[in-house]
């Protein structure tokens, strides 16, 4: 089943703002701004709009990215095949 990233982001932001998730003040401010911007984007006069379709597309693409360095890096295909 495909995840709904927008619903997950909204839930996370609401949980942060109601204190269910403990985070730094900067993260709280970002969550508040996210929710506020979503609400403002419903107004036709607001200069920005939010598209669930486009947001989901970006998140789905981002999930395809892999780490190339550090502890989370995956091995190269050549290295795995030759081992």
PDB file of N, CA and C in Angstrom:
ATOM      1  N   UNK A   1       0.831  -1.173   0.000  1.00  0.00           N
ATOM      2  CA  UNK A   1       0.000   0.000   0.000  1.00  0.00           C
ATOM      3  C   UNK A   1       0.884   1.249   0.000  1.00  0.00           C
ATOM      4  N   UNK A   2       0.553   2.209  -0.823  1.00  0.00           N
ATOM      5  CA  UNK A   2       1.321   3.431  -0.960  1.00  0.00           C
ATOM      6  C   UNK A   2       1.061   4.348   0.236  1.00  0.00           C
ATOM      7  N   UNK A   3       2.160   4.890   0.809  1.00  0.00           N
ATOM      8  CA  UNK A   3       2.026   5.802   1.937  1.00  0.00           C
ATOM      9  C   UNK A   3       1.524   7.162   1.468  1.00  0.00           C
ATOM     10  N   UNK A   4       0.752   7.806   2.299  1.00  0.00           N
ATOM     11  CA  UNK A   4       0.320   9.164   2.015  1.00  0.00           C
ATOM     12  C   UNK A   4       1.233  10.098   2.805  1.00  0.00           C
ATOM     13  N   UNK A   5       2.268  10.590   2.140  1.00  0.00           N
ATOM     14  CA  UNK A   5       3.277  11.414   2.793  1.00  0.00           C
ATOM     15  C   UNK A   5       2.706  12.718   3.340  1.00  0.00           C
ATOM     16  N   UNK A   6       1.749  13.291   2.638  1.00  0.00           N
ATOM     17  CA  UNK A   6       1.163  14.557   3.086  1.00  0.00           C
ATOM     18  C   UNK A   6       0.425  14.349   4.405  1.00  0.00           C
ATOM     19  N   UNK A   7      -0.350  13.292   4.500  1.00  0.00           N
ATOM     20  CA  UNK A   7      -1.049  13.017   5.766  1.00  0.00           C
ATOM     21  C   UNK A   7      -0.060  12.752   6.893  1.00  0.00           C
ATOM     22  N   UNK A   8       1.021  12.031   6.590  1.00  0.00           N
ATOM     23  CA  UNK A   8       2.043  11.771   7.606  1.00  0.00           C
ATOM     24  C   UNK A   8       2.706  13.072   8.064  1.00  0.00           C
ATOM     25  N   UNK A   9       2.984  13.968   7.124  1.00  0.00           N
ATOM     26  CA  UNK A   9       3.613  15.250   7.472  1.00  0.00           C
ATOM     27  C   UNK A   9       2.673  16.101   8.330  1.00  0.00           C
ATOM     28  N   UNK A  10       1.403  16.128   7.960  1.00  0.00           N
ATOM     29  CA  UNK A  10       0.427  16.891   8.746  1.00  0.00           C
ATOM     30  C   UNK A  10       0.292  16.315  10.150  1.00  0.00           C
ATOM     31  N   UNK A  11       0.237  14.996  10.258  1.00  0.00           N
ATOM     32  CA  UNK A  11       0.122  14.352  11.572  1.00  0.00           C
ATOM     33  C   UNK A  11       1.346  14.655  12.421  1.00  0.00           C
ATOM     34  N   UNK A  12       2.530  14.559  11.820  1.00  0.00           N
ATOM     35  CA  UNK A  12       3.760  14.858  12.553  1.00  0.00           C
ATOM     36  C   UNK A  12       3.723  16.297  13.069  1.00  0.00           C
ATOM     37  N   UNK A  13       3.376  17.238  12.206  1.00  0.00           N
ATOM     38  CA  UNK A  13       3.344  18.645  12.610  1.00  0.00           C
ATOM     39  C   UNK A  13       2.333  18.868  13.738  1.00  0.00           C
ATOM     40  N   UNK A  14       1.150  18.260  13.624  1.00  0.00           N
ATOM     41  CA  UNK A  14       0.142  18.409  14.684  1.00  0.00           C
ATOM     42  C   UNK A  14       0.639  17.794  15.998  1.00  0.00           C
ATOM     43  N   UNK A  15       1.276  16.619  15.911  1.00  0.00           N
ATOM     44  CA  UNK A  15       1.796  15.964  17.113  1.00  0.00           C
ATOM     45  C   UNK A  15       2.890  16.803  17.780  1.00  0.00           C
ATOM     46  N   UNK A  16       3.723  17.438  16.966  1.00  0.00           N
ATOM     47  CA  UNK A  16       4.753  18.327  17.511  1.00  0.00           C
ATOM     48  C   UNK A  16       4.089  19.507  18.221  1.00  0.00           C
ATOM     49  N   UNK A  17       3.122  20.115  17.564  1.00  0.00           N
ATOM     50  CA  UNK A  17       2.494  21.315  18.117  1.00  0.00           C
ATOM     51  C   UNK A  17       1.664  21.046  19.359  1.00  0.00           C
ATOM     52  N   UNK A  18       1.098  19.827  19.474  1.00  0.00           N
ATOM     53  CA  UNK A  18       0.320  19.536  20.688  1.00  0.00           C
ATOM     54  C   UNK A  18       1.175  18.915  21.796  1.00  0.00           C
ATOM     55  N   UNK A  19       2.480  18.776  21.540  1.00  0.00           N
ATOM     56  CA  UNK A  19       3.394  18.286  22.570  1.00  0.00           C
ATOM     57  C   UNK A  19       3.553  16.782  22.625  1.00  0.00           C
ATOM     58  N   UNK A  20       2.899  16.045  21.744  1.00  0.00           N
ATOM     59  CA  UNK A  20       3.025  14.582  21.741  1.00  0.00           C
ATOM     60  C   UNK A  20       4.427  14.131  21.342  1.00  0.00           C
ATOM     61  N   UNK A  21       5.089  14.943  20.521  1.00  0.00           N
ATOM     62  CA  UNK A  21       6.465  14.672  20.110  1.00  0.00           C
ATOM     63  C   UNK A  21       7.317  15.829  20.609  1.00  0.00           C
ATOM     64  N   UNK A  22       8.357  15.504  21.356  1.00  0.00           N
ATOM     65  CA  UNK A  22       9.238  16.523  21.917  1.00  0.00           C
ATOM     66  C   UNK A  22      10.344  16.832  20.909  1.00  0.00           C
ATOM     67  N   UNK A  23      10.454  18.115  20.549  1.00  0.00           N
ATOM     68  CA  UNK A  23      11.448  18.558  19.574  1.00  0.00           C
ATOM     69  C   UNK A  23      12.009  19.914  20.000  1.00  0.00           C
ATOM     70  N   UNK A  24      12.984  20.378  19.249  1.00  0.00           N
ATOM     71  CA  UNK A  24      13.568  21.695  19.529  1.00  0.00           C
ATOM     72  C   UNK A  24      12.604  22.811  19.139  1.00  0.00           C
ATOM     73  N   UNK A  25      12.905  24.008  19.607  1.00  0.00           N
ATOM     74  CA  UNK A  25      12.070  25.163  19.262  1.00  0.00           C
ATOM     75  C   UNK A  25      12.081  25.431  17.764  1.00  0.00           C
ATOM     76  N   UNK A  26      13.212  25.206  17.115  1.00  0.00           N
ATOM     77  CA  UNK A  26      13.289  25.430  15.665  1.00  0.00           C
ATOM     78  C   UNK A  26      12.365  24.491  14.902  1.00  0.00           C
ATOM     79  N   UNK A  27      12.294  23.246  15.337  1.00  0.00           N
ATOM     80  CA  UNK A  27      11.398  22.282  14.683  1.00  0.00           C
ATOM     81  C   UNK A  27       9.947  22.670  14.959  1.00  0.00           C
ATOM     82  N   UNK A  28       9.651  23.108  16.164  1.00  0.00           N
ATOM     83  CA  UNK A  28       8.289  23.571  16.477  1.00  0.00           C
ATOM     84  C   UNK A  28       7.886  24.721  15.570  1.00  0.00           C
ATOM     85  N   UNK A  29       8.818  25.670  15.384  1.00  0.00           N
ATOM     86  CA  UNK A  29       8.539  26.815  14.522  1.00  0.00           C
ATOM     87  C   UNK A  29       8.309  26.370  13.075  1.00  0.00           C
ATOM     88  N   UNK A  30       9.094  25.404  12.614  1.00  0.00           N
ATOM     89  CA  UNK A  30       8.931  24.897  11.246  1.00  0.00           C
ATOM     90  C   UNK A  30       7.579  24.211  11.084  1.00  0.00           C
ATOM     91  N   UNK A  31       7.156  23.448  12.086  1.00  0.00           N
ATOM     92  CA  UNK A  31       5.860  22.770  12.030  1.00  0.00           C
ATOM     93  C   UNK A  31       4.720  23.780  12.034  1.00  0.00           C
ATOM     94  N   UNK A  32       4.836  24.808  12.858  1.00  0.00           N
ATOM     95  CA  UNK A  32       3.814  25.858  12.910  1.00  0.00           C
ATOM     96  C   UNK A  32       3.724  26.561  11.553  1.00  0.00           C
ATOM     97  N   UNK A  33       4.885  26.865  10.965  1.00  0.00           N
ATOM     98  CA  UNK A  33       4.916  27.526   9.660  1.00  0.00           C
ATOM     99  C   UNK A  33       4.297  26.636   8.587  1.00  0.00           C
ATOM    100  N   UNK A  34       4.573  25.340   8.639  1.00  0.00           N
ATOM    101  CA  UNK A  34       4.019  24.375   7.693  1.00  0.00           C
ATOM    102  C   UNK A  34       2.491  24.381   7.752  1.00  0.00           C
ATOM    103  N   UNK A  35       1.951  24.265   8.949  1.00  0.00           N
ATOM    104  CA  UNK A  35       0.493  24.244   9.122  1.00  0.00           C
ATOM    105  C   UNK A  35      -0.114  25.582   8.694  1.00  0.00           C
ATOM    106  N   UNK A  36       0.509  26.678   9.101  1.00  0.00           N
ATOM    107  CA  UNK A  36       0.015  28.009   8.737  1.00  0.00           C
ATOM    108  C   UNK A  36       0.030  28.207   7.223  1.00  0.00           C
ATOM    109  N   UNK A  37       1.118  27.801   6.576  1.00  0.00           N
ATOM    110  CA  UNK A  37       1.204  27.935   5.123  1.00  0.00           C
ATOM    111  C   UNK A  37       0.154  27.085   4.417  1.00  0.00           C
ATOM    112  N   UNK A  38      -0.101  25.891   4.931  1.00  0.00           N
ATOM    113  CA  UNK A  38      -1.142  25.049   4.338  1.00  0.00           C
ATOM    114  C   UNK A  38      -2.500  25.734   4.430  1.00  0.00           C
ATOM    115  N   UNK A  39      -2.780  26.319   5.583  1.00  0.00           N
ATOM    116  CA  UNK A  39      -4.064  27.010   5.757  1.00  0.00           C
ATOM    117  C   UNK A  39      -4.158  28.224   4.833  1.00  0.00           C
ATOM    118  N   UNK A  40      -3.087  29.011   4.768  1.00  0.00           N
ATOM    119  CA  UNK A  40      -3.081  30.202   3.915  1.00  0.00           C
ATOM    120  C   UNK A  40      -3.207  29.840   2.432  1.00  0.00           C
ATOM    121  N   UNK A  41      -2.671  28.690   2.054  1.00  0.00           N
ATOM    122  CA  UNK A  41      -2.680  28.305   0.638  1.00  0.00           C
ATOM    123  C   UNK A  41      -4.088  28.023   0.124  1.00  0.00           C
ATOM    124  N   UNK A  42      -5.054  27.916   1.019  1.00  0.00           N
ATOM    125  CA  UNK A  42      -6.441  27.714   0.609  1.00  0.00           C
ATOM    126  C   UNK A  42      -7.062  29.003   0.063  1.00  0.00           C
ATOM    127  N   UNK A  43      -6.456  30.129   0.406  1.00  0.00           N
ATOM    128  CA  UNK A  43      -6.940  31.440  -0.045  1.00  0.00           C
ATOM    129  C   UNK A  43      -6.416  31.710  -1.450  1.00  0.00           C
ATOM    130  N   UNK A  44      -7.306  32.022  -2.360  1.00  0.00           N
ATOM    131  CA  UNK A  44      -6.916  32.270  -3.758  1.00  0.00           C
ATOM    132  C   UNK A  44      -5.967  33.450  -3.902  1.00  0.00           C
ATOM    133  N   UNK A  45      -5.997  34.376  -2.955  1.00  0.00           N
ATOM    134  CA  UNK A  45      -5.133  35.549  -3.018  1.00  0.00           C
ATOM    135  C   UNK A  45      -3.728  35.289  -2.472  1.00  0.00           C
ATOM    136  N   UNK A  46      -3.531  34.149  -1.835  1.00  0.00           N
ATOM    137  CA  UNK A  46      -2.209  33.806  -1.306  1.00  0.00           C
ATOM    138  C   UNK A  46      -1.292  33.486  -2.488  1.00  0.00           C
ATOM    139  N   UNK A  47      -0.061  34.001  -2.476  1.00  0.00           N
ATOM    140  CA  UNK A  47       0.805  33.851  -3.660  1.00  0.00           C
ATOM    141  C   UNK A  47       1.321  32.426  -3.909  1.00  0.00           C
ATOM    142  N   UNK A  48       1.114  31.517  -2.981  1.00  0.00           N
ATOM    143  CA  UNK A  48       1.597  30.154  -3.138  1.00  0.00           C
ATOM    144  C   UNK A  48       0.429  29.176  -3.039  1.00  0.00           C
ATOM    145  N   UNK A  49       0.574  28.034  -3.678  1.00  0.00           N
ATOM    146  CA  UNK A  49      -0.451  26.998  -3.556  1.00  0.00           C
ATOM    147  C   UNK A  49       0.219  25.693  -3.177  1.00  0.00           C
ATOM    148  N   UNK A  50      -0.556  24.794  -2.611  1.00  0.00           N
ATOM    149  CA  UNK A  50      -0.041  23.492  -2.213  1.00  0.00           C
ATOM    150  C   UNK A  50      -0.768  22.427  -3.010  1.00  0.00           C
ATOM    151  N   UNK A  51      -0.001  21.580  -3.652  1.00  0.00           N
ATOM    152  CA  UNK A  51      -0.555  20.488  -4.437  1.00  0.00           C
ATOM    153  C   UNK A  51      -0.175  19.156  -3.793  1.00  0.00           C
ATOM    154  N   UNK A  52      -1.180  18.442  -3.318  1.00  0.00           N
ATOM    155  CA  UNK A  52      -0.936  17.123  -2.727  1.00  0.00           C
ATOM    156  C   UNK A  52      -0.278  16.218  -3.760  1.00  0.00           C
ATOM    157  N   UNK A  53      -0.764  16.273  -4.978  1.00  0.00           N
ATOM    158  CA  UNK A  53      -0.229  15.430  -6.049  1.00  0.00           C
ATOM    159  C   UNK A  53       1.266  15.687  -6.248  1.00  0.00           C
ATOM    160  N   UNK A  54       1.641  16.940  -6.322  1.00  0.00           N
ATOM    161  CA  UNK A  54       3.048  17.267  -6.540  1.00  0.00           C
ATOM    162  C   UNK A  54       3.911  16.938  -5.318  1.00  0.00           C
ATOM    163  N   UNK A  55       3.381  17.169  -4.137  1.00  0.00           N
ATOM    164  CA  UNK A  55       4.121  16.834  -2.916  1.00  0.00           C
ATOM    165  C   UNK A  55       4.369  15.334  -2.833  1.00  0.00           C
ATOM    166  N   UNK A  56       3.358  14.542  -3.153  1.00  0.00           N
ATOM    167  CA  UNK A  56       3.519  13.087  -3.136  1.00  0.00           C
ATOM    168  C   UNK A  56       4.565  12.638  -4.159  1.00  0.00           C
ATOM    169  N   UNK A  57       4.556  13.295  -5.308  1.00  0.00           N
ATOM    170  CA  UNK A  57       5.521  12.944  -6.359  1.00  0.00           C
ATOM    171  C   UNK A  57       6.961  13.207  -5.895  1.00  0.00           C
ATOM    172  N   UNK A  58       7.179  14.342  -5.253  1.00  0.00           N
ATOM    173  CA  UNK A  58       8.514  14.675  -4.743  1.00  0.00           C
ATOM    174  C   UNK A  58       8.943  13.669  -3.677  1.00  0.00           C
ATOM    175  N   UNK A  59       8.055  13.340  -2.759  1.00  0.00           N
ATOM    176  CA  UNK A  59       8.390  12.395  -1.690  1.00  0.00           C
ATOM    177  C   UNK A  59       8.683  11.007  -2.238  1.00  0.00           C
ATOM    178  N   UNK A  60       7.899  10.568  -3.203  1.00  0.00           N
ATOM    179  CA  UNK A  60       8.122   9.259  -3.819  1.00  0.00           C
ATOM    180  C   UNK A  60       9.485   9.229  -4.503  1.00  0.00           C
ATOM    181  N   UNK A  61       9.837  10.308  -5.206  1.00  0.00           N
ATOM    182  CA  UNK A  61      11.147  10.391  -5.849  1.00  0.00           C
ATOM    183  C   UNK A  61      12.264  10.385  -4.806  1.00  0.00           C
ATOM    184  N   UNK A  62      12.101  11.161  -3.742  1.00  0.00           N
ATOM    185  CA  UNK A  62      13.132  11.253  -2.706  1.00  0.00           C
ATOM    186  C   UNK A  62      13.402   9.898  -2.059  1.00  0.00           C
ATOM    187  N   UNK A  63      12.385   9.060  -1.954  1.00  0.00           N
ATOM    188  CA  UNK A  63      12.573   7.732  -1.370  1.00  0.00           C
ATOM    189  C   UNK A  63      13.481   6.850  -2.215  1.00  0.00           C
ATOM    190  N   UNK A  64      13.652   7.187  -3.483  1.00  0.00           N
ATOM    191  CA  UNK A  64      14.516   6.409  -4.368  1.00  0.00           C
ATOM    192  C   UNK A  64      15.990   6.720  -4.153  1.00  0.00           C
ATOM    193  N   UNK A  65      16.281   7.846  -3.502  1.00  0.00           N
ATOM    194  CA  UNK A  65      17.664   8.256  -3.281  1.00  0.00           C
ATOM    195  C   UNK A  65      18.302   7.376  -2.215  1.00  0.00           C
ATOM    196  N   UNK A  66      19.575   7.112  -2.391  1.00  0.00           N
ATOM    197  CA  UNK A  66      20.288   6.300  -1.404  1.00  0.00           C
ATOM    198  C   UNK A  66      21.495   7.081  -0.895  1.00  0.00           C
ATOM    199  N   UNK A  67      21.948   6.703   0.278  1.00  0.00           N
ATOM    200  CA  UNK A  67      23.159   7.296   0.831  1.00  0.00           C
ATOM    201  C   UNK A  67      24.355   6.714   0.085  1.00  0.00           C
ATOM    202  N   UNK A  68      25.336   7.560  -0.207  1.00  0.00           N
ATOM    203  CA  UNK A  68      26.528   7.081  -0.907  1.00  0.00           C
ATOM    204  C   UNK A  68      27.753   7.104  -0.014  1.00  0.00           C
ATOM    205  N   UNK A  69      27.652   7.763   1.129  1.00  0.00           N
ATOM    206  CA  UNK A  69      28.774   7.849   2.058  1.00  0.00           C
ATOM    207  C   UNK A  69      28.262   7.641   3.467  1.00  0.00           C
ATOM    208  N   UNK A  70      29.167   7.260   4.337  1.00  0.00           N
ATOM    209  CA  UNK A  70      28.812   7.140   5.743  1.00  0.00           C
ATOM    210  C   UNK A  70      28.232   5.782   6.103  1.00  0.00           C
ATOM    211  N   UNK A  71      27.751   5.698   7.336  1.00  0.00           N
ATOM    212  CA  UNK A  71      27.275   4.423   7.887  1.00  0.00           C
ATOM    213  C   UNK A  71      26.062   3.874   7.152  1.00  0.00           C
ATOM    214  N   UNK A  72      25.257   4.746   6.539  1.00  0.00           N
ATOM    215  CA  UNK A  72      24.050   4.294   5.857  1.00  0.00           C
ATOM    216  C   UNK A  72      24.262   4.005   4.380  1.00  0.00           C
ATOM    217  N   UNK A  73      25.478   4.168   3.900  1.00  0.00           N
ATOM    218  CA  UNK A  73      25.747   3.970   2.474  1.00  0.00           C
ATOM    219  C   UNK A  73      25.523   2.510   2.090  1.00  0.00           C
ATOM    220  N   UNK A  74      24.988   2.330   0.901  1.00  0.00           N
ATOM    221  CA  UNK A  74      24.833   0.972   0.390  1.00  0.00           C
ATOM    222  C   UNK A  74      26.072   0.635  -0.422  1.00  0.00           C
ATOM    223  N   UNK A  75      26.376  -0.635  -0.513  1.00  0.00           N
ATOM    224  CA  UNK A  75      27.529  -1.050  -1.309  1.00  0.00           C
ATOM    225  C   UNK A  75      27.239  -0.852  -2.783  1.00  0.00           C
ATOM    226  N   UNK A  76      28.295  -0.661  -3.543  1.00  0.00           N
ATOM    227  CA  UNK A  76      28.102  -0.499  -4.982  1.00  0.00           C
ATOM    228  C   UNK A  76      27.668  -1.816  -5.593  1.00  0.00           C
ATOM    229  N   UNK A  77      26.980  -1.739  -6.716  1.00  0.00           N
ATOM    230  CA  UNK A  77      26.503  -2.954  -7.388  1.00  0.00           C
ATOM    231  C   UNK A  77      27.704  -3.804  -7.805  1.00  0.00           C
ATOM    232  N   UNK A  78      28.734  -3.146  -8.371  1.00  0.00           N
ATOM    233  CA  UNK A  78      29.910  -3.877  -8.810  1.00  0.00           C
ATOM    234  C   UNK A  78      30.555  -4.605  -7.641  1.00  0.00           C
ATOM    235  N   UNK A  79      30.706  -3.924  -6.513  1.00  0.00           N
ATOM    236  CA  UNK A  79      31.323  -4.530  -5.339  1.00  0.00           C
ATOM    237  C   UNK A  79      30.523  -5.735  -4.875  1.00  0.00           C
ATOM    238  N   UNK A  80      29.199  -5.623  -4.823  1.00  0.00           N
ATOM    239  CA  UNK A  80      28.353  -6.723  -4.379  1.00  0.00           C
ATOM    240  C   UNK A  80      28.407  -7.903  -5.350  1.00  0.00           C
ATOM    241  N   UNK A  81      28.448  -7.614  -6.629  1.00  0.00           N
ATOM    242  CA  UNK A  81      28.461  -8.680  -7.632  1.00  0.00           C
ATOM    243  C   UNK A  81      29.790  -9.424  -7.617  1.00  0.00           C
ATOM    244  N   UNK A  82      30.873  -8.682  -7.427  1.00  0.00           N
ATOM    245  CA  UNK A  82      32.215  -9.285  -7.455  1.00  0.00           C
ATOM    246  C   UNK A  82      32.555 -10.022  -6.181  1.00  0.00           C
ATOM    247  N   UNK A  83      31.829  -9.787  -5.117  1.00  0.00           N
ATOM    248  CA  UNK A  83      32.145 -10.428  -3.820  1.00  0.00           C
ATOM    249  C   UNK A  83      31.765 -11.881  -3.835  1.00  0.00           C
TER     250      UNK A  83
END
